[in-house]
Amino acid sequence: MQRTVDGGRKGAMAALRDTMMFKVMYAYGLRRGEVVRLDVPDLRPDPRVPQWGRYGSLHVRHAGSAGGSPTGERVVLSLPEFDWAVEGLRQWVELARPRMRGEAYPALWLTERASRVTGSYLDRRFAELRDELGFAKDLVPECLRQSYIAHLIDVGCPEPFVRAQVGHAASSATAAAAPAGDGFRNAVPARASDRAGAHREGGP
């Protein structure tokens, strides 16, 4: 990330932003509206993991709701299984984001015009990347959240903990979401492995 920031290529900062936005969506199990509404002050420490500093948790103030009820809030903990997201957030906030216009604006994900990234942009960018990678058209940003739920269940996290992390009101919602992420969760590592193998063999 440091090389990209220092290089100053046009579009590089937006590419970094988009990469981290999707990584955070996956690594914290966030809904589309939750990730785009994050502000820098929503990054909070977890005293149990002092080495992560201010990146120990996310305060989700604009959480999804059901049945027209008021928007809720929750704290989503950073997890060892996704510690790469902690380092990525640190680099984005401390190295990359200060290079963008409007850095004083609280939004975590800034556009080149110093405004907040929107949900419609997130959808559009996800679709572009999905199509470039050759994934199925039915893969949408929500699949990142479903894959997160499936991963936590696979590694043995208790259901109440998973439900609290993702903001589900009922256990049935967590159980229903788990299987939906399996294809996406398996496809991404497989595609990454294939690409790494191609590079090792001198491919593109």
Protein backbone atom coordinates (compact mmCIF):
# COMPACT_ATOMS: atom_id res chain seq x y z
CA MET A 1 0.00 0.00 0.00
CA GLN A 2 2.85 2.40 0.78
CA ARG A 3 4.23 2.04 -2.77
CA THR A 4 0.81 2.76 -4.25
CA VAL A 5 0.32 5.84 -2.09
CA ASP A 6 3.77 7.20 -2.89
CA GLY A 7 3.44 6.40 -6.60
CA GLY A 8 0.59 8.85 -7.08
CA ARG A 9 -0.92 7.07 -10.09
CA LYS A 10 -4.31 8.39 -11.15
CA GLY A 11 -7.03 6.16 -9.78
CA ALA A 12 -4.69 4.38 -7.37
CA MET A 13 -6.28 5.86 -4.28
CA ALA A 14 -9.76 4.93 -5.44
CA ALA A 15 -8.58 1.39 -6.12
CA LEU A 16 -7.08 1.15 -2.63
CA ARG A 17 -10.29 2.52 -1.12
CA ASP A 18 -12.46 0.03 -2.98
CA THR A 19 -10.20 -2.87 -2.03
CA MET A 20 -10.32 -1.99 1.65
CA MET A 21 -14.04 -1.26 1.57
CA PHE A 22 -14.82 -4.77 0.33
CA LYS A 23 -12.28 -6.34 2.69
CA VAL A 24 -13.87 -4.58 5.66
CA MET A 25 -17.34 -5.60 4.49
CA TYR A 26 -16.18 -9.24 4.53
CA ALA A 27 -13.93 -9.15 7.61
CA TYR A 28 -16.64 -7.58 9.80
CA GLY A 29 -19.76 -9.07 8.24
CA LEU A 30 -21.24 -5.69 7.35
CA ARG A 31 -24.27 -4.84 5.25
CA ARG A 32 -23.83 -2.52 2.29
CA GLY A 33 -25.43 0.45 4.06
CA GLU A 34 -23.36 -0.16 7.17
CA VAL A 35 -19.98 -0.13 5.47
CA VAL A 36 -20.56 3.04 3.43
CA ARG A 37 -21.78 4.95 6.49
CA LEU A 38 -18.73 4.24 8.61
CA ASP A 39 -16.86 7.27 9.90
CA VAL A 40 -13.27 7.39 11.12
CA PRO A 41 -14.40 7.87 14.78
CA ASP A 42 -16.27 4.57 14.47
CA LEU A 43 -12.92 2.81 14.71
CA ARG A 44 -12.64 1.85 18.37
CA PRO A 45 -10.06 0.03 20.51
CA ASP A 46 -10.71 -3.30 22.19
CA PRO A 47 -8.88 -3.31 25.55
CA ARG A 48 -8.48 -7.08 25.29
CA VAL A 49 -6.32 -6.63 22.17
CA PRO A 50 -4.25 -3.51 22.89
CA GLN A 51 -1.79 -4.24 20.08
CA TRP A 52 -4.50 -3.39 17.55
CA GLY A 53 -4.86 0.13 18.90
CA ARG A 54 -7.91 1.96 17.60
CA TYR A 55 -8.70 -0.87 15.18
CA GLY A 56 -9.97 -3.38 17.73
CA SER A 57 -13.65 -2.90 16.83
CA LEU A 58 -16.11 -1.01 14.67
CA HIS A 59 -18.99 0.99 16.09
CA VAL A 60 -21.77 0.41 13.57
CA ARG A 61 -24.13 3.29 14.22
CA HIS A 62 -26.30 2.83 11.14
CA ALA A 63 -27.09 -0.86 11.50
CA GLY A 64 -29.75 -2.56 9.43
CA SER A 65 -33.20 -3.07 10.89
CA ALA A 66 -36.24 -5.18 10.18
CA GLY A 67 -39.93 -4.39 9.95
CA GLY A 68 -39.49 -0.64 9.82
CA SER A 69 -38.02 -0.43 13.32
CA PRO A 70 -35.51 2.34 14.12
CA THR A 71 -31.98 1.84 12.88
CA GLY A 72 -29.94 0.06 15.53
CA GLU A 73 -26.33 0.13 16.63
CA ARG A 74 -23.80 -2.54 17.50
CA VAL A 75 -20.10 -3.01 18.14
CA VAL A 76 -18.38 -5.48 15.83
CA LEU A 77 -15.13 -6.88 17.18
CA SER A 78 -12.04 -7.33 15.05
CA LEU A 79 -11.17 -11.04 15.03
CA PRO A 80 -7.86 -12.92 14.81
CA GLU A 81 -9.20 -14.83 11.80
CA PHE A 82 -9.27 -11.53 9.92
CA ASP A 83 -6.25 -9.75 11.40
CA TRP A 84 -5.17 -8.78 7.88
CA ALA A 85 -8.12 -6.37 7.84
CA VAL A 86 -6.79 -4.63 10.95
CA GLU A 87 -3.48 -3.90 9.24
CA GLY A 88 -5.26 -2.87 6.06
CA LEU A 89 -7.46 -0.41 7.95
CA ARG A 90 -4.42 1.01 9.70
CA GLN A 91 -2.66 1.63 6.41
CA TRP A 92 -5.77 3.11 4.80
CA VAL A 93 -6.48 5.52 7.65
CA GLU A 94 -2.91 6.51 8.43
CA LEU A 95 -1.22 6.42 5.02
CA ALA A 96 -3.70 6.58 2.18
CA ARG A 97 -6.78 8.48 3.31
CA PRO A 98 -4.82 11.61 4.38
CA ARG A 99 -3.75 12.02 0.73
CA MET A 100 -7.34 12.48 -0.43
CA ARG A 101 -9.24 15.73 -0.67
CA GLY A 102 -11.63 16.30 2.18
CA GLU A 103 -9.56 14.28 4.64
CA ALA A 104 -11.10 16.36 7.45
CA TYR A 105 -14.55 14.99 6.52
CA PRO A 106 -15.45 12.13 8.90
CA ALA A 107 -16.45 9.52 6.28
CA LEU A 108 -14.10 6.54 6.30
CA TRP A 109 -14.47 6.01 2.54
CA LEU A 110 -13.96 9.27 0.66
CA THR A 111 -14.51 9.89 -3.03
CA GLU A 112 -12.14 11.93 -5.16
CA ARG A 113 -14.65 14.79 -4.78
CA ALA A 114 -14.42 14.75 -1.00
CA SER A 115 -17.81 13.16 -0.42
CA ARG A 116 -18.94 9.84 1.04
CA VAL A 117 -18.94 6.74 -1.15
CA THR A 118 -22.54 5.67 -1.81
CA GLY A 119 -24.23 2.30 -1.73
CA SER A 120 -25.01 2.53 -5.45
CA TYR A 121 -21.30 3.02 -6.21
CA LEU A 122 -20.44 0.02 -4.06
CA ASP A 123 -22.93 -2.14 -5.98
CA ARG A 124 -21.63 -0.96 -9.33
CA ARG A 125 -17.97 -1.46 -8.44
CA PHE A 126 -18.62 -4.91 -7.00
CA ALA A 127 -20.38 -5.93 -10.21
CA GLU A 128 -17.44 -4.69 -12.30
CA LEU A 129 -14.91 -6.67 -10.26
CA ARG A 130 -17.14 -9.74 -10.19
CA ASP A 131 -17.46 -9.70 -13.97
CA GLU A 132 -13.72 -9.17 -14.45
CA LEU A 133 -13.02 -12.24 -12.32
CA GLY A 134 -15.62 -14.30 -14.11
CA PHE A 135 -17.83 -15.01 -11.10
CA ALA A 136 -21.53 -15.78 -11.39
CA LYS A 137 -23.92 -12.87 -11.89
CA ASP A 138 -25.92 -13.80 -8.79
CA LEU A 139 -22.99 -12.90 -6.53
CA VAL A 140 -23.77 -9.59 -4.84
CA PRO A 141 -22.12 -7.62 -2.02
CA GLU A 142 -24.34 -9.39 0.54
CA CYS A 143 -22.44 -12.58 -0.28
CA LEU A 144 -19.42 -11.14 1.55
CA ARG A 145 -21.49 -10.90 4.73
CA GLN A 146 -22.92 -14.38 4.26
CA SER A 147 -19.43 -15.77 3.71
CA TYR A 148 -18.30 -14.13 6.96
CA ILE A 149 -21.15 -15.83 8.84
CA ALA A 150 -20.31 -19.19 7.26
CA HIS A 151 -16.64 -18.80 8.18
CA LEU A 152 -17.35 -18.02 11.83
CA ILE A 153 -19.68 -21.00 12.09
CA ASP A 154 -17.10 -23.25 10.42
CA VAL A 155 -14.39 -22.32 12.94
CA GLY A 156 -16.72 -23.03 15.84
CA CYS A 157 -17.79 -19.59 17.05
CA PRO A 158 -20.90 -19.85 19.27
CA GLU A 159 -24.12 -18.88 17.52
CA PRO A 160 -24.96 -16.04 19.97
CA PHE A 161 -21.56 -14.49 19.28
CA VAL A 162 -22.03 -14.73 15.51
CA ARG A 163 -25.52 -13.26 15.82
CA ALA A 164 -24.20 -10.33 17.87
CA GLN A 165 -21.41 -9.66 15.39
CA VAL A 166 -23.75 -9.45 12.40
CA GLY A 167 -26.71 -7.84 14.15
CA HIS A 168 -29.31 -10.55 13.65
CA ALA A 169 -32.33 -10.36 15.93
CA ALA A 170 -33.13 -14.07 15.61
CA SER A 171 -31.03 -17.25 15.46
CA SER A 172 -32.96 -18.36 12.40
CA ALA A 173 -31.58 -15.45 10.37
CA THR A 174 -28.01 -16.46 11.19
CA ALA A 175 -28.67 -20.11 10.38
CA ALA A 176 -30.34 -19.20 7.08
CA ALA A 177 -27.46 -17.00 5.98
CA ALA A 178 -24.68 -19.50 6.64
CA PRO A 179 -25.00 -21.86 3.66
CA ALA A 180 -25.48 -19.06 1.12
CA GLY A 181 -21.85 -17.95 1.39
CA ASP A 182 -20.25 -21.35 0.77
CA GLY A 183 -19.86 -21.03 -2.99
CA PHE A 184 -18.42 -17.56 -2.82
CA ARG A 185 -16.16 -18.46 0.11
CA ASN A 186 -14.76 -21.45 -1.78
CA ALA A 187 -14.52 -19.74 -5.16
CA VAL A 188 -12.40 -16.82 -4.02
CA PRO A 189 -9.50 -18.84 -2.51
CA ALA A 190 -9.60 -21.18 -5.50
CA ARG A 191 -9.37 -18.31 -7.97
CA ALA A 192 -6.58 -16.67 -5.95
CA SER A 193 -4.67 -19.96 -5.89
CA ASP A 194 -5.06 -20.38 -9.65
CA ARG A 195 -3.78 -16.88 -10.30
CA ALA A 196 -0.83 -17.35 -7.93
CA GLY A 197 0.04 -20.59 -9.72
CA ALA A 198 -0.04 -18.86 -13.08
CA HIS A 199 2.37 -16.20 -11.84
CA ARG A 200 4.74 -18.84 -10.45
CA GLU A 201 4.74 -20.59 -13.81
CA GLY A 202 5.39 -17.38 -15.69
CA GLY A 203 1.82 -16.80 -16.78
CA PRO A 204 0.04 -13.42 -16.94
